[in-house]
Structures are given as structure tokens and as C-alpha cells.
């Protein structure tokens, strides 16, 4: 069973003849699984080593990293405590850190879902400000995929804020995950610096780890939505003043646009976007529409209506 998939040195260790050996192995060293190769490559590209965390000082370092990323309000608890991470790690769940040298620059934790179908719920993944935009988050998720497959787990699920365009692109295109549900105000009121003052709607995604499109994404080929012959019509666009503008498309394919940087908007405008995306994307998904993917410039979800819905 593999326990540390993103190794310190990329590549497998090959037997070497010593001065006392009278023979050399003739069988080729087997290639590691595709997912392991992708994990090693992603870690090497980000210049990090991904390690499972067990010791309390490691888990407390992960707590500090998550606190640095989410910045909870004064007097509020951290996003996850070292003690909880300790329990998850001890129970065999997924708790890892990404290290640049001796410094932890990213961390991730998840737990297994209820039977009968095995899956991992990826609860939290964060990258420290000094580690962002270097592929650390990608390295963590690709490691997570290899870790799960090594344990016979074929699916990973998690949630993200559908208003954050960079996260939508990362989850749906770079990783190849598939949206499965729109969850209104999933966490209730939140007080951290990222989520305060707005309903905590989330998009639930499923990562089918054996899907060839997922394997291709983890190898660096982002997933692209399959567009129909007829052009997609807009259901929601960004207005000239960055306000949401709703439309009533007739085509079976539509697009739901989100602002390029929702976190830069004022609170009132962010709340307007929350309502608009909940109606344009959430209502369509509740009626059976499928999110086919995410495109950039402009940032938009591609949504396919169920057959015969109009």
C-alpha cells in the first residue's frame, strides 16, 4: 500500500549492482501507476514534497496555515484544529502537507464518506500566500487522487464557492471534476475574511478518479466542455458596472457568467451576484440541467438543459 506518493526524488529507485553481486536483475522495473506518476510530476513542477502528517507539531503547522489562508474573525475558531486533524490522521483519513524545503506551504484534509459506495470527502485544501500561483494546490489534489486510488477509493467529492472564477476553472477544467449539486447556504453564516457577510452557497463536485478525462487533466490537459452545434446563449452576464444581468436563453446550451474577481467587489454587489448565480445556475441544476464545464475570458459555466425542457 502506498503511503507517500509524491516522493522526495522523482522517479522510481532502480536496483544497482554492488561489488558483491554476481548477477543483475533482468526483469524491467515496472512503471508506477499513472496516478502516482502524475502526482510525482505535479509535485516536481511545484517544487514541493507532499507528505502525510502524523506528528502533533505537523498538524499544528497545518492549523496555522489554514488560519493564515481563511483569516477567521477575532475570537472565532480556526477553520480546522490540530486536534481534529490528529483524529482524522489517526483514523486513516487523508491529512497531508506540501513542503518547500522545511516550510509548509500547503495542506489538505479529507475523510471517508458513509457506505455503501467508497468515496473521500475533501474537506479543506489551502495554500499559503507565499506558495500561491506555483502549482501547489494542483500538486495537493493530484496527490490526493493517487492516495485515494491506492486505497481502492474511486471518487472524491468536495464543495467550492461558485462565484470564485479561479476556483471554478481549477476544479472543473484543471482537475476535471463534475458538478453534481448546487447547495444553498451550505455552511450557514460564516465569519472568516473570505466568506463573511454573504450566504455560503456551494457547488458540490464529484471527481471520478478513473475517468480518462480526469487522468488527462491530472497530466496537464484541462477538461474542455463539449459544446453543441448551436451556440450557447447567455443566461447571466457581467454588466458594464460589474452588476449581474439576467437573460432568458432559448438554446439548449446556456452560459452563466461570474465576475473575474468577486472578492474585489463591495459587499452589496457580492450579495447581488450570490442571488443571481443561485437563480441562474442553482435553479437550472435543480430542474435537471447539467454543468458541462467552465470557460475563461469571460469566466462562465456552460450549462446544458435537459432534453425537452423548453
Protein backbone atom coordinates (compact mmCIF):
# COMPACT_ATOMS: atom_id res chain seq x y z
CA UNK A 1 0.00 0.00 0.00
CA UNK A 2 1.36 3.36 -0.99
CA UNK A 3 1.65 5.82 1.89
CA UNK A 4 3.69 8.69 0.44
CA UNK A 5 3.09 9.14 -3.24
CA UNK A 6 4.80 12.44 -4.03
CA UNK A 7 8.31 11.28 -3.30
CA UNK A 8 11.34 13.39 -2.42
CA UNK A 9 13.06 12.40 -5.65
CA UNK A 10 11.02 11.95 -8.82
CA UNK A 11 11.20 8.58 -10.47
CA UNK A 12 11.46 5.03 -9.22
CA UNK A 13 14.52 3.57 -7.47
CA UNK A 14 16.31 1.15 -9.78
CA UNK A 15 18.35 -1.79 -8.42
CA UNK A 16 22.10 -1.18 -8.74
CA UNK A 17 24.81 -3.85 -8.99
CA UNK A 18 27.12 -3.88 -5.99
CA UNK A 19 30.66 -5.25 -5.87
CA UNK A 20 29.39 -8.42 -4.17
CA UNK A 21 26.65 -9.17 -6.70
CA UNK A 22 27.27 -11.93 -9.22
CA UNK A 23 24.06 -11.26 -11.19
CA UNK A 24 21.92 -8.37 -12.32
CA UNK A 25 18.11 -8.27 -12.44
CA UNK A 26 16.82 -8.98 -15.94
CA UNK A 27 13.16 -8.02 -15.48
CA UNK A 28 12.40 -4.35 -16.15
CA UNK A 29 11.31 -2.26 -13.20
CA UNK A 30 7.53 -1.88 -13.56
CA UNK A 31 6.19 1.57 -14.24
CA UNK A 32 4.35 3.07 -11.25
CA UNK A 33 0.60 3.61 -11.70
CA UNK A 34 -0.47 6.53 -13.89
CA UNK A 35 -1.87 8.41 -10.90
CA UNK A 36 1.40 8.07 -8.99
CA UNK A 37 3.38 9.32 -11.97
CA UNK A 38 1.06 12.34 -12.24
CA UNK A 39 1.44 13.05 -8.51
CA UNK A 40 5.22 12.94 -8.67
CA UNK A 41 5.26 15.17 -11.77
CA UNK A 42 2.91 17.74 -10.23
CA UNK A 43 4.96 17.92 -7.03
CA UNK A 44 8.17 18.31 -9.00
CA UNK A 45 6.66 21.08 -11.13
CA UNK A 46 5.59 22.95 -7.98
CA UNK A 47 8.96 22.25 -6.33
CA UNK A 48 7.30 20.73 -3.26
CA UNK A 49 7.19 17.42 -1.44
CA UNK A 50 3.77 16.21 -0.30
CA UNK A 51 3.87 14.21 2.93
CA UNK A 52 1.25 12.64 5.16
CA UNK A 53 1.07 14.35 8.55
CA UNK A 54 1.02 12.42 11.82
CA UNK A 55 3.00 14.32 14.48
CA UNK A 56 1.24 16.96 16.52
CA UNK A 57 3.69 19.69 15.57
CA UNK A 58 3.00 19.00 11.88
CA UNK A 59 -0.76 19.12 12.43
CA UNK A 60 -0.49 22.36 14.38
CA UNK A 61 1.52 23.82 11.49
CA UNK A 62 -1.35 22.83 9.17
CA UNK A 63 -3.81 24.55 11.52
CA UNK A 64 -1.73 27.74 11.39
CA UNK A 65 -1.60 27.56 7.59
CA UNK A 66 -5.37 27.20 7.29
CA UNK A 67 -5.82 30.10 9.70
CA UNK A 68 -3.48 32.24 7.61
CA UNK A 69 -5.48 31.48 4.47
CA UNK A 70 -9.04 31.90 5.82
CA UNK A 71 -8.33 34.62 8.44
CA UNK A 72 -11.16 33.93 10.91
CA UNK A 73 -12.63 36.87 12.79
CA UNK A 74 -11.12 37.71 16.16
CA UNK A 75 -12.32 35.29 18.82
CA UNK A 76 -13.56 32.75 16.23
CA UNK A 77 -12.08 29.24 15.94
CA UNK A 78 -9.70 28.25 13.13
CA UNK A 79 -11.13 26.52 10.06
CA UNK A 80 -9.86 23.21 11.45
CA UNK A 81 -7.91 22.45 14.62
CA UNK A 82 -4.74 20.42 15.02
CA UNK A 83 -6.64 18.10 17.36
CA UNK A 84 -9.25 17.31 14.73
CA UNK A 85 -6.53 16.74 12.14
CA UNK A 86 -4.85 14.40 14.62
CA UNK A 87 -8.05 12.36 14.94
CA UNK A 88 -8.52 12.21 11.16
CA UNK A 89 -4.92 11.12 10.58
CA UNK A 90 -5.10 8.51 13.34
CA UNK A 91 -8.30 7.09 11.82
CA UNK A 92 -6.59 6.67 8.45
CA UNK A 93 -8.12 9.65 6.69
CA UNK A 94 -6.30 11.99 4.33
CA UNK A 95 -4.14 14.63 6.07
CA UNK A 96 -1.11 15.96 4.16
CA UNK A 97 1.19 18.93 3.90
CA UNK A 98 3.12 20.32 0.93
CA UNK A 99 6.65 21.40 1.82
CA UNK A 100 9.03 23.75 0.05
CA UNK A 101 12.21 22.73 1.81
CA UNK A 102 11.31 22.68 5.51
CA UNK A 103 8.44 25.20 5.19
CA UNK A 104 4.85 24.00 4.86
CA UNK A 105 3.23 25.96 2.01
CA UNK A 106 0.04 23.96 1.56
CA UNK A 107 -2.13 21.42 3.35
CA UNK A 108 -5.20 19.31 2.73
CA UNK A 109 -7.52 17.11 4.79
CA UNK A 110 -10.42 14.83 3.98
CA UNK A 111 -12.43 11.96 5.42
CA UNK A 112 -14.23 8.93 4.07
CA UNK A 113 -17.96 9.05 3.32
CA UNK A 114 -20.61 6.63 4.54
CA UNK A 115 -21.12 3.22 2.87
CA UNK A 116 -22.04 1.61 0.58
CA UNK A 117 -20.01 3.35 -2.14
CA UNK A 118 -16.49 4.32 -1.08
CA UNK A 119 -15.57 7.97 -1.54
CA UNK A 120 -13.37 10.58 0.08
CA UNK A 121 -14.81 13.95 1.09
CA UNK A 122 -12.05 16.53 0.63
CA UNK A 123 -12.98 18.95 3.39
CA UNK A 124 -10.27 21.60 3.18
CA UNK A 125 -7.30 22.43 0.96
CA UNK A 126 -5.32 25.62 1.32
CA UNK A 127 -2.12 27.19 0.06
CA UNK A 128 -0.21 29.85 1.99
CA UNK A 129 0.01 33.25 0.27
CA UNK A 130 3.73 32.78 -0.47
CA UNK A 131 3.00 29.44 -2.16
CA UNK A 132 0.12 30.52 -4.40
CA UNK A 133 0.33 30.58 -8.21
CA UNK A 134 3.11 27.98 -8.23
CA UNK A 135 1.07 24.79 -8.72
CA UNK A 136 0.99 23.79 -5.04
CA UNK A 137 -2.79 23.36 -4.94
CA UNK A 138 -2.67 21.24 -8.10
CA UNK A 139 0.09 19.09 -6.59
CA UNK A 140 -2.00 18.53 -3.46
CA UNK A 141 -5.10 17.46 -5.39
CA UNK A 142 -3.23 15.18 -7.79
CA UNK A 143 -1.52 13.57 -4.78
CA UNK A 144 -4.95 13.15 -3.18
CA UNK A 145 -6.20 11.31 -6.26
CA UNK A 146 -3.26 8.89 -6.24
CA UNK A 147 -3.64 8.36 -2.49
CA UNK A 148 -7.34 7.51 -2.85
CA UNK A 149 -6.85 5.16 -5.81
CA UNK A 150 -4.11 3.31 -3.92
CA UNK A 151 -6.75 2.55 -1.28
CA UNK A 152 -9.42 1.43 -3.72
CA UNK A 153 -11.44 4.66 -3.48
CA UNK A 154 -12.73 5.69 -6.94
CA UNK A 155 -14.37 9.05 -6.12
CA UNK A 156 -13.56 12.27 -4.27
CA UNK A 157 -16.19 14.90 -3.56
CA UNK A 158 -15.86 18.47 -2.28
CA UNK A 159 -17.54 21.86 -2.41
CA UNK A 160 -16.44 25.30 -3.57
CA UNK A 161 -17.94 28.77 -3.91
CA UNK A 162 -19.39 29.03 -7.45
CA UNK A 163 -18.77 32.78 -7.52
CA UNK A 164 -14.99 32.41 -7.40
CA UNK A 165 -13.96 32.14 -11.05
CA UNK A 166 -10.39 30.94 -10.45
CA UNK A 167 -11.66 28.08 -8.27
CA UNK A 168 -14.29 27.11 -10.83
CA UNK A 169 -11.61 26.90 -13.53
CA UNK A 170 -9.29 24.97 -11.21
CA UNK A 171 -11.90 22.42 -10.13
CA UNK A 172 -13.79 21.87 -13.38
CA UNK A 173 -11.08 22.35 -16.01
CA UNK A 174 -7.65 21.79 -14.41
CA UNK A 175 -8.86 18.84 -12.32
CA UNK A 176 -11.77 17.65 -14.48
CA UNK A 177 -14.31 17.37 -11.65
CA UNK A 178 -18.04 17.35 -12.44
CA UNK A 179 -20.66 19.47 -10.62
CA UNK A 180 -23.38 17.31 -9.08
CA UNK A 181 -25.47 19.69 -6.93
CA UNK A 182 -25.97 23.34 -6.02
CA UNK A 183 -26.15 23.70 -2.22
CA UNK A 184 -27.80 26.86 -0.88
CA UNK A 185 -26.21 28.41 2.23
CA UNK A 186 -24.41 25.12 2.88
CA UNK A 187 -22.40 26.22 5.93
CA UNK A 188 -24.81 28.87 7.21
CA UNK A 189 -23.38 32.25 8.29
CA UNK A 190 -19.58 32.37 8.18
CA UNK A 191 -17.32 34.92 9.85
CA UNK A 192 -13.93 34.46 8.20
CA UNK A 193 -12.43 37.16 5.99
CA UNK A 194 -13.25 35.29 2.77
CA UNK A 195 -16.90 34.37 3.41
CA UNK A 196 -18.28 36.89 5.93
CA UNK A 197 -21.44 38.83 5.10
CA UNK A 198 -22.81 36.54 2.41
CA UNK A 199 -24.77 33.29 2.17
CA UNK A 200 -22.44 30.30 1.90
CA UNK A 201 -23.79 28.73 -1.31
CA UNK A 202 -21.56 25.96 -2.62
CA UNK A 203 -21.23 23.83 -5.74
CA UNK A 204 -20.74 20.15 -4.93
CA UNK A 205 -18.41 18.39 -7.35
CA UNK A 206 -17.61 14.74 -7.92
CA UNK A 207 -14.16 13.67 -9.08
CA UNK A 208 -14.40 10.29 -10.81
CA UNK A 209 -10.78 9.27 -10.42
CA UNK A 210 -10.71 6.60 -13.14
CA UNK A 211 -12.32 8.83 -15.77
CA UNK A 212 -9.88 9.23 -18.71
CA UNK A 213 -10.70 12.95 -18.81
CA UNK A 214 -9.64 13.25 -15.16
CA UNK A 215 -6.40 11.36 -15.84
CA UNK A 216 -5.72 13.70 -18.77
CA UNK A 217 -6.40 16.76 -16.61
CA UNK A 218 -4.02 15.50 -13.92
CA UNK A 219 -1.40 15.07 -16.65
CA UNK A 220 -1.77 18.73 -17.59
CA UNK A 221 -4.53 18.69 -20.22
CA UNK A 222 -7.51 20.65 -18.82
CA UNK A 223 -11.01 19.38 -19.41
CA UNK A 224 -12.98 21.32 -22.01
CA UNK A 225 -16.79 21.30 -22.20
CA UNK A 226 -18.36 19.54 -25.16
CA UNK A 227 -20.25 22.31 -26.93
CA UNK A 228 -23.21 21.57 -29.17
CA UNK A 229 -23.58 22.66 -32.76
CA UNK A 230 -25.81 25.60 -31.83
CA UNK A 231 -24.02 28.39 -29.95
CA UNK A 232 -24.68 28.67 -26.24
CA UNK A 233 -26.86 31.61 -25.24
CA UNK A 234 -26.18 33.68 -22.12
CA UNK A 235 -28.35 33.19 -19.04
CA UNK A 236 -26.29 35.56 -16.92
CA UNK A 237 -23.62 38.09 -17.90
CA UNK A 238 -21.44 40.71 -16.24
CA UNK A 239 -22.75 44.22 -16.88
CA UNK A 240 -20.55 47.24 -17.62
CA UNK A 241 -20.69 48.23 -13.93
CA UNK A 242 -19.88 44.62 -12.83
CA UNK A 243 -23.51 44.04 -11.85
CA UNK A 244 -25.22 40.76 -12.87
CA UNK A 245 -27.50 40.93 -15.91
CA UNK A 246 -30.02 38.09 -16.33
CA UNK A 247 -31.24 36.81 -19.70
CA UNK A 248 -33.79 34.23 -20.87
CA UNK A 249 -31.99 31.90 -23.28
CA UNK A 250 -33.88 29.63 -25.68
CA UNK A 251 -30.99 27.41 -26.76
CA UNK A 252 -30.36 24.01 -25.10
CA UNK A 253 -26.90 25.27 -24.11
CA UNK A 254 -26.53 28.37 -21.99
CA UNK A 255 -23.77 30.15 -20.10
CA UNK A 256 -23.75 31.54 -16.58
CA UNK A 257 -21.06 34.19 -16.26
CA UNK A 258 -19.41 35.18 -12.98
CA UNK A 259 -17.22 38.23 -12.26
CA UNK A 260 -13.48 37.77 -12.77
CA UNK A 261 -12.73 38.67 -9.13
CA UNK A 262 -15.80 38.59 -6.90
CA UNK A 263 -13.69 39.19 -3.79
CA UNK A 264 -12.78 42.66 -5.11
CA UNK A 265 -16.43 43.76 -5.24
CA UNK A 266 -18.20 45.64 -2.48
CA UNK A 267 -20.44 43.58 -0.14
CA UNK A 268 -23.71 44.73 -1.74
CA UNK A 269 -22.54 43.77 -5.22
CA UNK A 270 -21.29 40.38 -3.96
CA UNK A 271 -24.69 39.65 -2.45
CA UNK A 272 -26.37 40.58 -5.73
CA UNK A 273 -24.13 38.10 -7.52
CA UNK A 274 -24.94 35.41 -4.97
CA UNK A 275 -28.65 35.78 -5.66
CA UNK A 276 -28.19 35.96 -9.43
CA UNK A 277 -25.99 32.85 -9.67
CA UNK A 278 -28.28 30.93 -7.29
CA UNK A 279 -31.18 31.63 -9.68
CA UNK A 280 -29.31 31.19 -12.97
CA UNK A 281 -27.22 28.15 -12.03
CA UNK A 282 -28.85 26.64 -8.94
CA UNK A 283 -32.40 26.73 -10.29
CA UNK A 284 -31.31 25.21 -13.60
CA UNK A 285 -29.41 22.39 -11.88
CA UNK A 286 -32.41 21.72 -9.63
CA UNK A 287 -34.52 21.36 -12.79
CA UNK A 288 -32.13 18.75 -14.20
CA UNK A 289 -29.60 20.83 -16.15
CA UNK A 290 -26.01 19.60 -16.29
CA UNK A 291 -22.93 21.78 -15.96
CA UNK A 292 -20.77 20.74 -18.90
CA UNK A 293 -17.70 22.71 -17.83
CA UNK A 294 -16.17 26.12 -17.33
CA UNK A 295 -14.60 28.55 -19.80
CA UNK A 296 -12.48 31.63 -19.25
CA UNK A 297 -12.41 35.15 -20.75
CA UNK A 298 -15.18 35.72 -19.95
CA UNK A 299 -15.48 33.41 -16.94
CA UNK A 300 -18.60 31.32 -17.38
CA UNK A 301 -20.22 27.98 -16.66
CA UNK A 302 -21.54 26.05 -19.65
CA UNK A 303 -24.95 24.59 -18.79
CA UNK A 304 -26.87 22.00 -20.80
CA UNK A 305 -30.64 21.90 -20.36
CA UNK A 306 -32.35 18.51 -20.04
CA UNK A 307 -33.94 17.25 -23.26
CA UNK A 308 -37.42 18.64 -23.80
CA UNK A 309 -37.18 21.21 -21.03
CA UNK A 310 -38.26 24.08 -23.28
